[in-house]
Amino acid sequence: MSEKNSSALPDPSAPDTPAKIIEENRNETKKPSHKTTARKRAAVRTPEYVVHPFEPVVDDACKILILGSLPSVASRENSFYYGHPRNRFWKMLASVFEEPVPQTIEEKTAFLLRHHIALYDSIYACRIQGSSDSSITDITPANLQAILSRAPIHAILCNGQASWNTFMRHQASSLPASIETFCLPSTSPANAACSLEKLVAAWKPVILQALSE
């Protein structure tokens, strides 16, 4: 009797047991459809035309102008510069001046102006895929003259190669000879090889020297 009951139990290793069929169905529901995956990939690949959404941060006392390339998706969503949580820009500046990292837009603006730093980007508009600087095309460079005519800028610091390339191609030739220009390592999370300590070591002497002039 016991042997008969035992032989009647389903073999869980068999391909057509109810338990195996249920598990296979459960796994199938977890898999994204090919159409969904294709739509997501297409969205990532499709360039978007982006116009710079922020005004420059500047006042009459600024001595340094820091230029990024263009606000990232996260920055545009957070309505201010360097809004990606893994971008080291604000941590780097806080370390340079040995102060707490500013958190709100108001705190960040006050921090910059207190230290005589203007902030903008070298690109006013372009086509870009997500936040990828390497995908940027159809560039309209930013007009820096309004900043330079308002503030006694001594130095322009480009945050990364993409900013520097645009600046050198479209804006550098129109600068007064008295303004020094620098290409500094990007604070972007994409520049993971450069630690926060290395960023501070590269940026700090340039910033402090420009502020002392």
C-alpha atoms as a PDB file:
ATOM      1  CA  MET A   1       0.000   0.000   0.000  1.00  0.00           C
ATOM      2  CA  SER A   2       2.744   2.367   0.943  1.00  0.00           C
ATOM      3  CA  GLU A   3       4.625   1.548  -2.254  1.00  0.00           C
ATOM      4  CA  LYS A   4       1.524   2.290  -4.344  1.00  0.00           C
ATOM      5  CA  ASN A   5       1.038   5.707  -2.681  1.00  0.00           C
ATOM      6  CA  SER A   6       4.717   6.492  -3.169  1.00  0.00           C
ATOM      7  CA  SER A   7       4.634   5.717  -6.875  1.00  0.00           C
ATOM      8  CA  ALA A   8       1.553   7.939  -7.283  1.00  0.00           C
ATOM      9  CA  LEU A   9       3.395  11.075  -6.075  1.00  0.00           C
ATOM     10  CA  PRO A  10       4.528  13.452  -8.909  1.00  0.00           C
ATOM     11  CA  ASP A  11       8.192  13.430  -9.715  1.00  0.00           C
ATOM     12  CA  PRO A  12       9.369  17.081  -9.248  1.00  0.00           C
ATOM     13  CA  SER A  13      12.157  16.495 -11.762  1.00  0.00           C
ATOM     14  CA  ALA A  14       9.712  15.579 -14.514  1.00  0.00           C
ATOM     15  CA  PRO A  15       9.174  18.388 -17.073  1.00  0.00           C
ATOM     16  CA  ASP A  16       5.373  18.268 -16.932  1.00  0.00           C
ATOM     17  CA  THR A  17       4.720  18.290 -13.167  1.00  0.00           C
ATOM     18  CA  PRO A  18       2.315  21.029 -11.922  1.00  0.00           C
ATOM     19  CA  ALA A  19       5.002  22.512  -9.646  1.00  0.00           C
ATOM     20  CA  LYS A  20       7.474  22.788 -12.524  1.00  0.00           C
ATOM     21  CA  ILE A  21       4.893  24.279 -14.869  1.00  0.00           C
ATOM     22  CA  ILE A  22       3.879  26.887 -12.260  1.00  0.00           C
ATOM     23  CA  GLU A  23       7.514  27.830 -11.651  1.00  0.00           C
ATOM     24  CA  GLU A  24       8.192  28.152 -15.386  1.00  0.00           C
ATOM     25  CA  ASN A  25       5.126  30.386 -15.785  1.00  0.00           C
ATOM     26  CA  ARG A  26       6.270  32.510 -12.866  1.00  0.00           C
ATOM     27  CA  ASN A  27       9.685  32.943 -14.450  1.00  0.00           C
ATOM     28  CA  GLU A  28       8.133  33.879 -17.776  1.00  0.00           C
ATOM     29  CA  THR A  29       6.121  36.686 -16.164  1.00  0.00           C
ATOM     30  CA  LYS A  30       9.357  38.159 -14.803  1.00  0.00           C
ATOM     31  CA  LYS A  31      10.947  38.436 -18.243  1.00  0.00           C
ATOM     32  CA  PRO A  32      10.416  41.785 -20.023  1.00  0.00           C
ATOM     33  CA  SER A  33       8.860  41.458 -23.426  1.00  0.00           C
ATOM     34  CA  HIS A  34      11.030  42.045 -26.463  1.00  0.00           C
ATOM     35  CA  LYS A  35       8.841  45.020 -27.352  1.00  0.00           C
ATOM     36  CA  THR A  36       9.328  46.662 -23.926  1.00  0.00           C
ATOM     37  CA  THR A  37      13.089  46.133 -24.035  1.00  0.00           C
ATOM     38  CA  ALA A  38      13.268  47.482 -27.576  1.00  0.00           C
ATOM     39  CA  ARG A  39      11.299  50.592 -26.609  1.00  0.00           C
ATOM     40  CA  LYS A  40      13.622  51.286 -23.671  1.00  0.00           C
ATOM     41  CA  ARG A  41      16.723  50.830 -25.819  1.00  0.00           C
ATOM     42  CA  ALA A  42      15.295  53.085 -28.509  1.00  0.00           C
ATOM     43  CA  ALA A  43      14.550  55.765 -25.904  1.00  0.00           C
ATOM     44  CA  VAL A  44      18.151  55.623 -24.702  1.00  0.00           C
ATOM     45  CA  ARG A  45      19.534  55.797 -28.248  1.00  0.00           C
ATOM     46  CA  THR A  46      17.271  58.615 -29.479  1.00  0.00           C
ATOM     47  CA  PRO A  47      19.007  62.010 -29.253  1.00  0.00           C
ATOM     48  CA  GLU A  48      17.025  64.768 -27.562  1.00  0.00           C
ATOM     49  CA  TYR A  49      17.360  68.456 -28.367  1.00  0.00           C
ATOM     50  CA  VAL A  50      18.077  70.178 -25.065  1.00  0.00           C
ATOM     51  CA  VAL A  51      18.153  73.916 -24.393  1.00  0.00           C
ATOM     52  CA  HIS A  52      19.984  75.071 -21.282  1.00  0.00           C
ATOM     53  CA  PRO A  53      17.328  75.463 -18.561  1.00  0.00           C
ATOM     54  CA  PHE A  54      19.182  77.560 -15.952  1.00  0.00           C
ATOM     55  CA  GLU A  55      20.435  81.110 -15.646  1.00  0.00           C
ATOM     56  CA  PRO A  56      24.121  81.590 -14.812  1.00  0.00           C
ATOM     57  CA  VAL A  57      25.011  82.005 -11.156  1.00  0.00           C
ATOM     58  CA  VAL A  58      26.970  85.261 -11.006  1.00  0.00           C
ATOM     59  CA  ASP A  59      27.248  88.603  -9.248  1.00  0.00           C
ATOM     60  CA  ASP A  60      29.507  91.638  -9.511  1.00  0.00           C
ATOM     61  CA  ALA A  61      32.169  90.192  -7.204  1.00  0.00           C
ATOM     62  CA  CYS A  62      32.844  86.877  -8.971  1.00  0.00           C
ATOM     63  CA  LYS A  63      36.479  86.222  -9.908  1.00  0.00           C
ATOM     64  CA  ILE A  64      36.198  82.639 -11.219  1.00  0.00           C
ATOM     65  CA  LEU A  65      33.850  81.200 -13.831  1.00  0.00           C
ATOM     66  CA  ILE A  66      33.395  77.431 -13.730  1.00  0.00           C
ATOM     67  CA  LEU A  67      31.966  75.929 -16.920  1.00  0.00           C
ATOM     68  CA  GLY A  68      30.421  72.493 -17.264  1.00  0.00           C
ATOM     69  CA  SER A  69      29.208  71.121 -20.584  1.00  0.00           C
ATOM     70  CA  LEU A  70      25.396  70.930 -20.242  1.00  0.00           C
ATOM     71  CA  PRO A  71      23.143  70.058 -17.267  1.00  0.00           C
ATOM     72  CA  SER A  72      22.576  66.303 -17.036  1.00  0.00           C
ATOM     73  CA  VAL A  73      19.158  64.651 -16.954  1.00  0.00           C
ATOM     74  CA  ALA A  74      19.367  64.501 -13.147  1.00  0.00           C
ATOM     75  CA  SER A  75      20.378  68.173 -12.936  1.00  0.00           C
ATOM     76  CA  ARG A  76      17.444  69.206 -15.115  1.00  0.00           C
ATOM     77  CA  GLU A  77      15.104  67.123 -12.994  1.00  0.00           C
ATOM     78  CA  ASN A  78      16.508  68.740  -9.827  1.00  0.00           C
ATOM     79  CA  SER A  79      16.421  72.236 -11.354  1.00  0.00           C
ATOM     80  CA  PHE A  80      20.048  73.126 -10.635  1.00  0.00           C
ATOM     81  CA  TYR A  81      23.624  72.475 -11.614  1.00  0.00           C
ATOM     82  CA  TYR A  82      25.311  69.162 -10.730  1.00  0.00           C
ATOM     83  CA  GLY A  83      22.153  67.532  -9.426  1.00  0.00           C
ATOM     84  CA  HIS A  84      23.254  63.914  -9.883  1.00  0.00           C
ATOM     85  CA  PRO A  85      23.800  62.445  -6.388  1.00  0.00           C
ATOM     86  CA  ARG A  86      27.089  60.820  -7.459  1.00  0.00           C
ATOM     87  CA  ASN A  87      28.575  63.917  -9.068  1.00  0.00           C
ATOM     88  CA  ARG A  88      31.408  65.127  -6.817  1.00  0.00           C
ATOM     89  CA  PHE A  89      31.208  68.820  -7.756  1.00  0.00           C
ATOM     90  CA  TRP A  90      29.673  70.118  -4.535  1.00  0.00           C
ATOM     91  CA  LYS A  91      31.738  67.788  -2.361  1.00  0.00           C
ATOM     92  CA  MET A  92      34.872  68.914  -4.161  1.00  0.00           C
ATOM     93  CA  LEU A  93      34.149  72.605  -3.636  1.00  0.00           C
ATOM     94  CA  ALA A  94      33.225  72.036   0.011  1.00  0.00           C
ATOM     95  CA  SER A  95      36.546  70.241   0.518  1.00  0.00           C
ATOM     96  CA  VAL A  96      38.474  73.059  -1.182  1.00  0.00           C
ATOM     97  CA  PHE A  97      37.054  75.589   1.275  1.00  0.00           C
ATOM     98  CA  GLU A  98      36.791  73.156   4.215  1.00  0.00           C
ATOM     99  CA  GLU A  99      33.078  73.783   4.674  1.00  0.00           C
ATOM    100  CA  PRO A 100      29.966  71.581   4.894  1.00  0.00           C
ATOM    101  CA  VAL A 101      28.536  70.439   1.579  1.00  0.00           C
ATOM    102  CA  PRO A 102      25.651  72.740   0.560  1.00  0.00           C
ATOM    103  CA  GLN A 103      22.375  70.903   0.060  1.00  0.00           C
ATOM    104  CA  THR A 104      19.613  73.159  -1.227  1.00  0.00           C
ATOM    105  CA  ILE A 105      19.628  75.368  -4.316  1.00  0.00           C
ATOM    106  CA  GLU A 106      19.692  78.414  -2.046  1.00  0.00           C
ATOM    107  CA  GLU A 107      22.644  77.055  -0.060  1.00  0.00           C
ATOM    108  CA  LYS A 108      24.562  76.166  -3.232  1.00  0.00           C
ATOM    109  CA  THR A 109      23.972  79.600  -4.757  1.00  0.00           C
ATOM    110  CA  ALA A 110      25.035  81.375  -1.571  1.00  0.00           C
ATOM    111  CA  PHE A 111      28.121  79.132  -1.305  1.00  0.00           C
ATOM    112  CA  LEU A 112      29.263  80.015  -4.821  1.00  0.00           C
ATOM    113  CA  LEU A 113      28.746  83.739  -4.483  1.00  0.00           C
ATOM    114  CA  ARG A 114      30.318  83.863  -1.015  1.00  0.00           C
ATOM    115  CA  HIS A 115      33.475  82.464  -2.587  1.00  0.00           C
ATOM    116  CA  HIS A 116      33.263  84.701  -5.692  1.00  0.00           C
ATOM    117  CA  ILE A 117      32.578  81.818  -8.079  1.00  0.00           C
ATOM    118  CA  ALA A 118      30.301  82.154 -11.114  1.00  0.00           C
ATOM    119  CA  LEU A 119      28.788  78.992 -12.590  1.00  0.00           C
ATOM    120  CA  TYR A 120      27.486  78.216 -16.051  1.00  0.00           C
ATOM    121  CA  ASP A 121      28.078  75.814 -18.981  1.00  0.00           C
ATOM    122  CA  SER A 122      29.843  76.083 -22.325  1.00  0.00           C
ATOM    123  CA  ILE A 123      26.862  74.648 -24.263  1.00  0.00           C
ATOM    124  CA  TYR A 124      23.583  76.521 -24.590  1.00  0.00           C
ATOM    125  CA  ALA A 125      21.788  73.913 -26.700  1.00  0.00           C
ATOM    126  CA  CYS A 126      22.560  70.628 -28.445  1.00  0.00           C
ATOM    127  CA  ARG A 127      21.356  67.148 -29.311  1.00  0.00           C
ATOM    128  CA  ILE A 128      22.303  64.610 -26.674  1.00  0.00           C
ATOM    129  CA  GLN A 129      21.462  61.028 -25.721  1.00  0.00           C
ATOM    130  CA  GLY A 130      20.613  60.978 -22.030  1.00  0.00           C
ATOM    131  CA  SER A 131      23.533  62.584 -20.194  1.00  0.00           C
ATOM    132  CA  SER A 132      26.292  61.238 -22.436  1.00  0.00           C
ATOM    133  CA  ASP A 133      28.789  63.966 -23.338  1.00  0.00           C
ATOM    134  CA  SER A 134      30.224  61.732 -26.058  1.00  0.00           C
ATOM    135  CA  SER A 135      26.863  61.781 -27.880  1.00  0.00           C
ATOM    136  CA  ILE A 136      26.607  65.581 -28.124  1.00  0.00           C
ATOM    137  CA  THR A 137      26.023  67.031 -31.615  1.00  0.00           C
ATOM    138  CA  ASP A 138      24.567  70.205 -33.160  1.00  0.00           C
ATOM    139  CA  ILE A 139      26.077  72.471 -30.506  1.00  0.00           C
ATOM    140  CA  THR A 140      24.986  76.039 -29.929  1.00  0.00           C
ATOM    141  CA  PRO A 141      27.640  77.518 -27.630  1.00  0.00           C
ATOM    142  CA  ALA A 142      26.657  79.578 -24.617  1.00  0.00           C
ATOM    143  CA  ASN A 143      27.116  83.340 -24.734  1.00  0.00           C
ATOM    144  CA  LEU A 144      29.598  84.151 -21.968  1.00  0.00           C
ATOM    145  CA  GLN A 145      29.793  87.879 -22.633  1.00  0.00           C
ATOM    146  CA  ALA A 146      26.995  88.787 -20.228  1.00  0.00           C
ATOM    147  CA  ILE A 147      28.931  87.111 -17.410  1.00  0.00           C
ATOM    148  CA  LEU A 148      32.290  88.583 -18.403  1.00  0.00           C
ATOM    149  CA  SER A 149      30.853  92.086 -18.757  1.00  0.00           C
ATOM    150  CA  ARG A 150      29.320  91.935 -15.292  1.00  0.00           C
ATOM    151  CA  ALA A 151      32.029  90.296 -13.179  1.00  0.00           C
ATOM    152  CA  PRO A 152      35.823  90.764 -12.959  1.00  0.00           C
ATOM    153  CA  ILE A 153      36.571  87.182 -14.001  1.00  0.00           C
ATOM    154  CA  HIS A 154      40.264  86.283 -13.620  1.00  0.00           C
ATOM    155  CA  ALA A 155      40.050  82.607 -14.587  1.00  0.00           C
ATOM    156  CA  ILE A 156      37.752  80.212 -16.428  1.00  0.00           C
ATOM    157  CA  LEU A 157      37.824  76.613 -15.212  1.00  0.00           C
ATOM    158  CA  CYS A 158      36.307  73.949 -17.461  1.00  0.00           C
ATOM    159  CA  ASN A 159      34.893  70.957 -15.640  1.00  0.00           C
ATOM    160  CA  GLY A 160      36.010  68.105 -17.881  1.00  0.00           C
ATOM    161  CA  GLN A 161      37.043  67.575 -21.485  1.00  0.00           C
ATOM    162  CA  ALA A 162      33.623  68.060 -23.114  1.00  0.00           C
ATOM    163  CA  SER A 163      33.292  71.516 -21.597  1.00  0.00           C
ATOM    164  CA  TRP A 164      36.874  72.362 -22.554  1.00  0.00           C
ATOM    165  CA  ASN A 165      36.474  71.207 -26.164  1.00  0.00           C
ATOM    166  CA  THR A 166      33.402  73.377 -26.723  1.00  0.00           C
ATOM    167  CA  PHE A 167      34.978  76.322 -24.930  1.00  0.00           C
ATOM    168  CA  MET A 168      38.174  76.169 -26.967  1.00  0.00           C
ATOM    169  CA  ARG A 169      36.332  75.725 -30.259  1.00  0.00           C
ATOM    170  CA  HIS A 170      33.707  78.452 -29.827  1.00  0.00           C
ATOM    171  CA  GLN A 171      34.520  80.849 -26.990  1.00  0.00           C
ATOM    172  CA  ALA A 172      38.208  81.037 -26.069  1.00  0.00           C
ATOM    173  CA  SER A 173      39.278  83.217 -28.989  1.00  0.00           C
ATOM    174  CA  SER A 174      36.994  86.069 -27.913  1.00  0.00           C
ATOM    175  CA  LEU A 175      38.352  86.272 -24.353  1.00  0.00           C
ATOM    176  CA  PRO A 176      40.533  89.080 -23.029  1.00  0.00           C
ATOM    177  CA  ALA A 177      44.164  87.987 -22.809  1.00  0.00           C
ATOM    178  CA  SER A 178      44.119  88.645 -19.059  1.00  0.00           C
ATOM    179  CA  ILE A 179      41.791  85.710 -18.357  1.00  0.00           C
ATOM    180  CA  GLU A 180      43.545  82.424 -17.631  1.00  0.00           C
ATOM    181  CA  THR A 181      41.856  79.193 -18.737  1.00  0.00           C
ATOM    182  CA  PHE A 182      42.137  75.697 -17.315  1.00  0.00           C
ATOM    183  CA  CYS A 183      40.840  72.226 -18.138  1.00  0.00           C
ATOM    184  CA  LEU A 184      40.337  70.341 -14.880  1.00  0.00           C
ATOM    185  CA  PRO A 185      39.292  66.723 -14.295  1.00  0.00           C
ATOM    186  CA  SER A 186      35.579  66.118 -14.523  1.00  0.00           C
ATOM    187  CA  THR A 187      33.623  65.714 -11.289  1.00  0.00           C
ATOM    188  CA  SER A 188      31.129  63.486 -13.137  1.00  0.00           C
ATOM    189  CA  PRO A 189      30.507  59.948 -11.854  1.00  0.00           C
ATOM    190  CA  ALA A 190      31.590  58.813 -15.331  1.00  0.00           C
ATOM    191  CA  ASN A 191      35.120  59.869 -14.346  1.00  0.00           C
ATOM    192  CA  ALA A 192      35.256  57.123 -11.722  1.00  0.00           C
ATOM    193  CA  ALA A 193      39.020  56.690 -12.039  1.00  0.00           C
ATOM    194  CA  CYS A 194      39.499  60.092 -10.407  1.00  0.00           C
ATOM    195  CA  SER A 195      38.746  59.943  -6.685  1.00  0.00           C
ATOM    196  CA  LEU A 196      37.404  62.869  -4.676  1.00  0.00           C
ATOM    197  CA  GLU A 197      40.863  63.316  -3.148  1.00  0.00           C
ATOM    198  CA  LYS A 198      42.437  63.584  -6.624  1.00  0.00           C
ATOM    199  CA  LEU A 199      39.769  66.044  -7.728  1.00  0.00           C
ATOM    200  CA  VAL A 200      40.430  68.276  -4.731  1.00  0.00           C
ATOM    201  CA  ALA A 201      44.181  68.071  -5.317  1.00  0.00           C
ATOM    202  CA  ALA A 202      43.726  69.227  -8.929  1.00  0.00           C
ATOM    203  CA  TRP A 203      41.090  71.901  -8.374  1.00  0.00           C
ATOM    204  CA  LYS A 204      42.139  73.463  -5.065  1.00  0.00           C
ATOM    205  CA  PRO A 205      45.401  75.199  -6.071  1.00  0.00           C
ATOM    206  CA  VAL A 206      43.842  76.617  -9.244  1.00  0.00           C
ATOM    207  CA  ILE A 207      40.818  77.988  -7.389  1.00  0.00           C
ATOM    208  CA  LEU A 208      42.801  79.469  -4.503  1.00  0.00           C
ATOM    209  CA  GLN A 209      45.354  81.050  -6.835  1.00  0.00           C
ATOM    210  CA  ALA A 210      42.670  82.678  -8.962  1.00  0.00           C
ATOM    211  CA  LEU A 211      40.875  84.029  -5.898  1.00  0.00           C
ATOM    212  CA  SER A 212      44.080  85.553  -4.548  1.00  0.00           C
ATOM    213  CA  GLU A 213      44.634  87.708  -7.655  1.00  0.00           C
END
